[in-house]
Amino acid sequence: MGKTLTRMDLSEAVFREVGLSRNESADLVESVLEHMSDALVEEEQVKISSFGTFSVRQKAARVGRNPKTGEEVPIHPRRVLTFRPSHLMKERVAEGNRR
Protein backbone atom coordinates (compact mmCIF):
# COMPACT_ATOMS: atom_id res chain seq x y z
CA MET A 1 0.00 0.00 0.00
CA GLY A 2 1.05 3.55 -0.62
CA LYS A 3 0.77 6.80 1.21
CA THR A 4 -2.46 8.25 2.59
CA LEU A 5 -3.82 11.49 1.12
CA THR A 6 -4.76 13.83 3.99
CA ARG A 7 -6.63 17.13 4.37
CA MET A 8 -3.23 18.81 4.69
CA ASP A 9 -2.15 17.31 1.35
CA LEU A 10 -5.34 18.59 -0.29
CA SER A 11 -4.85 22.09 1.15
CA GLU A 12 -1.24 22.08 -0.02
CA ALA A 13 -2.36 21.09 -3.54
CA VAL A 14 -4.93 23.93 -3.57
CA PHE A 15 -2.21 26.30 -2.33
CA ARG A 16 0.17 25.26 -5.14
CA GLU A 17 -2.39 24.99 -7.97
CA VAL A 18 -4.80 27.84 -7.22
CA GLY A 19 -2.52 30.31 -5.50
CA LEU A 20 -4.63 31.00 -2.42
CA SER A 21 -2.77 31.46 0.86
CA ARG A 22 -2.17 28.34 2.94
CA ASN A 23 -4.88 29.39 5.42
CA GLU A 24 -7.38 30.15 2.65
CA SER A 25 -6.58 26.81 1.00
CA ALA A 26 -7.15 24.94 4.27
CA ASP A 27 -10.43 26.84 4.81
CA LEU A 28 -11.58 26.00 1.28
CA VAL A 29 -10.87 22.27 1.72
CA GLU A 30 -12.64 22.30 5.12
CA SER A 31 -15.64 24.09 3.61
CA VAL A 32 -15.97 21.60 0.74
CA LEU A 33 -15.72 18.61 3.09
CA GLU A 34 -18.24 20.19 5.48
CA HIS A 35 -20.72 20.79 2.62
CA MET A 36 -20.32 17.17 1.51
CA SER A 37 -20.79 15.86 5.07
CA ASP A 38 -23.86 18.03 5.68
CA ALA A 39 -25.47 16.82 2.45
CA LEU A 40 -24.81 13.17 3.35
CA VAL A 41 -26.25 13.65 6.85
CA GLU A 42 -29.41 14.95 5.14
CA GLU A 43 -29.34 11.79 2.96
CA GLU A 44 -28.60 13.74 -0.23
CA GLN A 45 -26.31 12.25 -2.87
CA VAL A 46 -22.94 13.91 -3.45
CA LYS A 47 -21.96 13.47 -7.09
CA ILE A 48 -18.52 14.61 -8.27
CA SER A 49 -18.23 14.45 -12.03
CA SER A 50 -15.49 12.08 -13.30
CA PHE A 51 -14.89 10.89 -9.73
CA GLY A 52 -17.94 9.19 -8.25
CA THR A 53 -21.08 9.38 -6.14
CA PHE A 54 -21.37 9.24 -2.36
CA SER A 55 -24.75 8.29 -0.94
CA VAL A 56 -26.36 7.09 2.27
CA ARG A 57 -28.24 3.80 2.24
CA GLN A 58 -30.63 2.39 4.82
CA LYS A 59 -29.84 -1.20 5.86
CA ALA A 60 -32.61 -3.31 7.33
CA ALA A 61 -32.43 -5.21 10.60
CA ARG A 62 -31.20 -8.77 10.30
CA VAL A 63 -29.87 -11.66 12.32
CA GLY A 64 -26.10 -12.03 12.29
CA ARG A 65 -23.87 -14.68 13.78
CA ASN A 66 -20.86 -14.31 16.07
CA PRO A 67 -18.09 -16.08 14.11
CA LYS A 68 -16.34 -17.30 17.28
CA THR A 69 -19.32 -18.75 19.13
CA GLY A 70 -21.87 -19.24 16.36
CA GLU A 71 -24.39 -17.41 18.56
CA GLU A 72 -27.10 -15.51 16.70
CA VAL A 73 -27.04 -11.77 17.33
CA PRO A 74 -29.58 -9.17 16.16
CA ILE A 75 -28.11 -6.45 13.92
CA HIS A 76 -30.13 -3.25 14.19
CA PRO A 77 -31.23 -1.17 11.18
CA ARG A 78 -28.69 1.52 10.31
CA ARG A 79 -27.58 4.03 7.72
CA VAL A 80 -24.35 3.35 5.86
CA LEU A 81 -22.24 5.49 3.55
CA THR A 82 -21.60 4.09 0.07
CA PHE A 83 -19.36 5.24 -2.78
CA ARG A 84 -19.77 4.34 -6.44
CA PRO A 85 -16.79 5.35 -8.58
CA SER A 86 -17.46 6.83 -12.01
CA HIS A 87 -16.50 4.87 -15.11
CA LEU A 88 -13.60 7.27 -15.67
CA MET A 89 -12.29 6.66 -12.15
CA LYS A 90 -12.61 2.89 -12.60
CA GLU A 91 -10.63 3.13 -15.85
CA ARG A 92 -7.89 5.26 -14.24
CA VAL A 93 -7.50 2.79 -11.38
CA ALA A 94 -7.46 -0.16 -13.81
CA GLU A 95 -4.76 1.57 -15.90
CA GLY A 96 -2.67 1.88 -12.73
CA ASN A 97 -2.81 -1.92 -12.41
CA ARG A 98 -1.31 -2.34 -15.88
CA ARG A 99 1.77 -0.20 -15.23
C-alpha atoms as a PDB file:
ATOM      1  CA  MET A   1       0.000   0.000   0.000  1.00  0.00           C
ATOM      2  CA  GLY A   2       1.051   3.550  -0.624  1.00  0.00           C
ATOM      3  CA  LYS A   3       0.768   6.799   1.210  1.00  0.00           C
ATOM      4  CA  THR A   4      -2.464   8.254   2.587  1.00  0.00           C
ATOM      5  CA  LEU A   5      -3.824  11.492   1.119  1.00  0.00           C
ATOM      6  CA  THR A   6      -4.757  13.833   3.985  1.00  0.00           C
ATOM      7  CA  ARG A   7      -6.631  17.133   4.369  1.00  0.00           C
ATOM      8  CA  MET A   8      -3.229  18.814   4.686  1.00  0.00           C
ATOM      9  CA  ASP A   9      -2.152  17.309   1.348  1.00  0.00           C
ATOM     10  CA  LEU A  10      -5.343  18.586  -0.294  1.00  0.00           C
ATOM     11  CA  SER A  11      -4.851  22.087   1.148  1.00  0.00           C
ATOM     12  CA  GLU A  12      -1.239  22.078  -0.018  1.00  0.00           C
ATOM     13  CA  ALA A  13      -2.358  21.093  -3.542  1.00  0.00           C
ATOM     14  CA  VAL A  14      -4.927  23.926  -3.575  1.00  0.00           C
ATOM     15  CA  PHE A  15      -2.207  26.304  -2.331  1.00  0.00           C
ATOM     16  CA  ARG A  16       0.168  25.262  -5.142  1.00  0.00           C
ATOM     17  CA  GLU A  17      -2.386  24.987  -7.970  1.00  0.00           C
ATOM     18  CA  VAL A  18      -4.797  27.844  -7.216  1.00  0.00           C
ATOM     19  CA  GLY A  19      -2.517  30.313  -5.502  1.00  0.00           C
ATOM     20  CA  LEU A  20      -4.627  30.998  -2.417  1.00  0.00           C
ATOM     21  CA  SER A  21      -2.771  31.465   0.862  1.00  0.00           C
ATOM     22  CA  ARG A  22      -2.167  28.341   2.943  1.00  0.00           C
ATOM     23  CA  ASN A  23      -4.885  29.392   5.422  1.00  0.00           C
ATOM     24  CA  GLU A  24      -7.383  30.152   2.651  1.00  0.00           C
ATOM     25  CA  SER A  25      -6.577  26.811   1.002  1.00  0.00           C
ATOM     26  CA  ALA A  26      -7.147  24.937   4.266  1.00  0.00           C
ATOM     27  CA  ASP A  27     -10.426  26.845   4.806  1.00  0.00           C
ATOM     28  CA  LEU A  28     -11.578  25.996   1.275  1.00  0.00           C
ATOM     29  CA  VAL A  29     -10.874  22.268   1.722  1.00  0.00           C
ATOM     30  CA  GLU A  30     -12.642  22.295   5.116  1.00  0.00           C
ATOM     31  CA  SER A  31     -15.636  24.094   3.613  1.00  0.00           C
ATOM     32  CA  VAL A  32     -15.971  21.602   0.738  1.00  0.00           C
ATOM     33  CA  LEU A  33     -15.724  18.614   3.086  1.00  0.00           C
ATOM     34  CA  GLU A  34     -18.243  20.190   5.478  1.00  0.00           C
ATOM     35  CA  HIS A  35     -20.719  20.787   2.625  1.00  0.00           C
ATOM     36  CA  MET A  36     -20.321  17.172   1.510  1.00  0.00           C
ATOM     37  CA  SER A  37     -20.785  15.857   5.071  1.00  0.00           C
ATOM     38  CA  ASP A  38     -23.864  18.028   5.681  1.00  0.00           C
ATOM     39  CA  ALA A  39     -25.466  16.822   2.449  1.00  0.00           C
ATOM     40  CA  LEU A  40     -24.813  13.169   3.349  1.00  0.00           C
ATOM     41  CA  VAL A  41     -26.251  13.646   6.855  1.00  0.00           C
ATOM     42  CA  GLU A  42     -29.413  14.952   5.141  1.00  0.00           C
ATOM     43  CA  GLU A  43     -29.335  11.791   2.958  1.00  0.00           C
ATOM     44  CA  GLU A  44     -28.603  13.741  -0.228  1.00  0.00           C
ATOM     45  CA  GLN A  45     -26.311  12.250  -2.866  1.00  0.00           C
ATOM     46  CA  VAL A  46     -22.942  13.906  -3.451  1.00  0.00           C
ATOM     47  CA  LYS A  47     -21.956  13.471  -7.089  1.00  0.00           C
ATOM     48  CA  ILE A  48     -18.517  14.612  -8.267  1.00  0.00           C
ATOM     49  CA  SER A  49     -18.228  14.449 -12.026  1.00  0.00           C
ATOM     50  CA  SER A  50     -15.492  12.084 -13.302  1.00  0.00           C
ATOM     51  CA  PHE A  51     -14.889  10.888  -9.731  1.00  0.00           C
ATOM     52  CA  GLY A  52     -17.942   9.186  -8.254  1.00  0.00           C
ATOM     53  CA  THR A  53     -21.081   9.375  -6.140  1.00  0.00           C
ATOM     54  CA  PHE A  54     -21.369   9.238  -2.363  1.00  0.00           C
ATOM     55  CA  SER A  55     -24.754   8.294  -0.939  1.00  0.00           C
ATOM     56  CA  VAL A  56     -26.363   7.092   2.271  1.00  0.00           C
ATOM     57  CA  ARG A  57     -28.242   3.797   2.240  1.00  0.00           C
ATOM     58  CA  GLN A  58     -30.627   2.389   4.820  1.00  0.00           C
ATOM     59  CA  LYS A  59     -29.839  -1.196   5.863  1.00  0.00           C
ATOM     60  CA  ALA A  60     -32.612  -3.308   7.333  1.00  0.00           C
ATOM     61  CA  ALA A  61     -32.433  -5.206  10.603  1.00  0.00           C
ATOM     62  CA  ARG A  62     -31.201  -8.772  10.300  1.00  0.00           C
ATOM     63  CA  VAL A  63     -29.875 -11.658  12.317  1.00  0.00           C
ATOM     64  CA  GLY A  64     -26.095 -12.032  12.293  1.00  0.00           C
ATOM     65  CA  ARG A  65     -23.874 -14.684  13.782  1.00  0.00           C
ATOM     66  CA  ASN A  66     -20.864 -14.314  16.066  1.00  0.00           C
ATOM     67  CA  PRO A  67     -18.093 -16.084  14.105  1.00  0.00           C
ATOM     68  CA  LYS A  68     -16.342 -17.300  17.278  1.00  0.00           C
ATOM     69  CA  THR A  69     -19.318 -18.747  19.128  1.00  0.00           C
ATOM     70  CA  GLY A  70     -21.875 -19.241  16.357  1.00  0.00           C
ATOM     71  CA  GLU A  71     -24.387 -17.414  18.565  1.00  0.00           C
ATOM     72  CA  GLU A  72     -27.096 -15.507  16.695  1.00  0.00           C
ATOM     73  CA  VAL A  73     -27.038 -11.766  17.332  1.00  0.00           C
ATOM     74  CA  PRO A  74     -29.582  -9.166  16.164  1.00  0.00           C
ATOM     75  CA  ILE A  75     -28.112  -6.445  13.925  1.00  0.00           C
ATOM     76  CA  HIS A  76     -30.129  -3.253  14.191  1.00  0.00           C
ATOM     77  CA  PRO A  77     -31.225  -1.174  11.180  1.00  0.00           C
ATOM     78  CA  ARG A  78     -28.692   1.517  10.314  1.00  0.00           C
ATOM     79  CA  ARG A  79     -27.580   4.026   7.722  1.00  0.00           C
ATOM     80  CA  VAL A  80     -24.345   3.350   5.855  1.00  0.00           C
ATOM     81  CA  LEU A  81     -22.240   5.487   3.549  1.00  0.00           C
ATOM     82  CA  THR A  82     -21.595   4.092   0.070  1.00  0.00           C
ATOM     83  CA  PHE A  83     -19.356   5.239  -2.784  1.00  0.00           C
ATOM     84  CA  ARG A  84     -19.772   4.339  -6.441  1.00  0.00           C
ATOM     85  CA  PRO A  85     -16.792   5.348  -8.578  1.00  0.00           C
ATOM     86  CA  SER A  86     -17.459   6.829 -12.008  1.00  0.00           C
ATOM     87  CA  HIS A  87     -16.505   4.865 -15.112  1.00  0.00           C
ATOM     88  CA  LEU A  88     -13.596   7.273 -15.675  1.00  0.00           C
ATOM     89  CA  MET A  89     -12.294   6.662 -12.150  1.00  0.00           C
ATOM     90  CA  LYS A  90     -12.614   2.888 -12.599  1.00  0.00           C
ATOM     91  CA  GLU A  91     -10.633   3.128 -15.848  1.00  0.00           C
ATOM     92  CA  ARG A  92      -7.891   5.263 -14.238  1.00  0.00           C
ATOM     93  CA  VAL A  93      -7.502   2.789 -11.383  1.00  0.00           C
ATOM     94  CA  ALA A  94      -7.464  -0.161 -13.809  1.00  0.00           C
ATOM     95  CA  GLU A  95      -4.755   1.566 -15.896  1.00  0.00           C
ATOM     96  CA  GLY A  96      -2.667   1.876 -12.726  1.00  0.00           C
ATOM     97  CA  ASN A  97      -2.810  -1.921 -12.409  1.00  0.00           C
ATOM     98  CA  ARG A  98      -1.310  -2.344 -15.884  1.00  0.00           C
ATOM     99  CA  ARG A  99       1.768  -0.201 -15.227  1.00  0.00           C
END
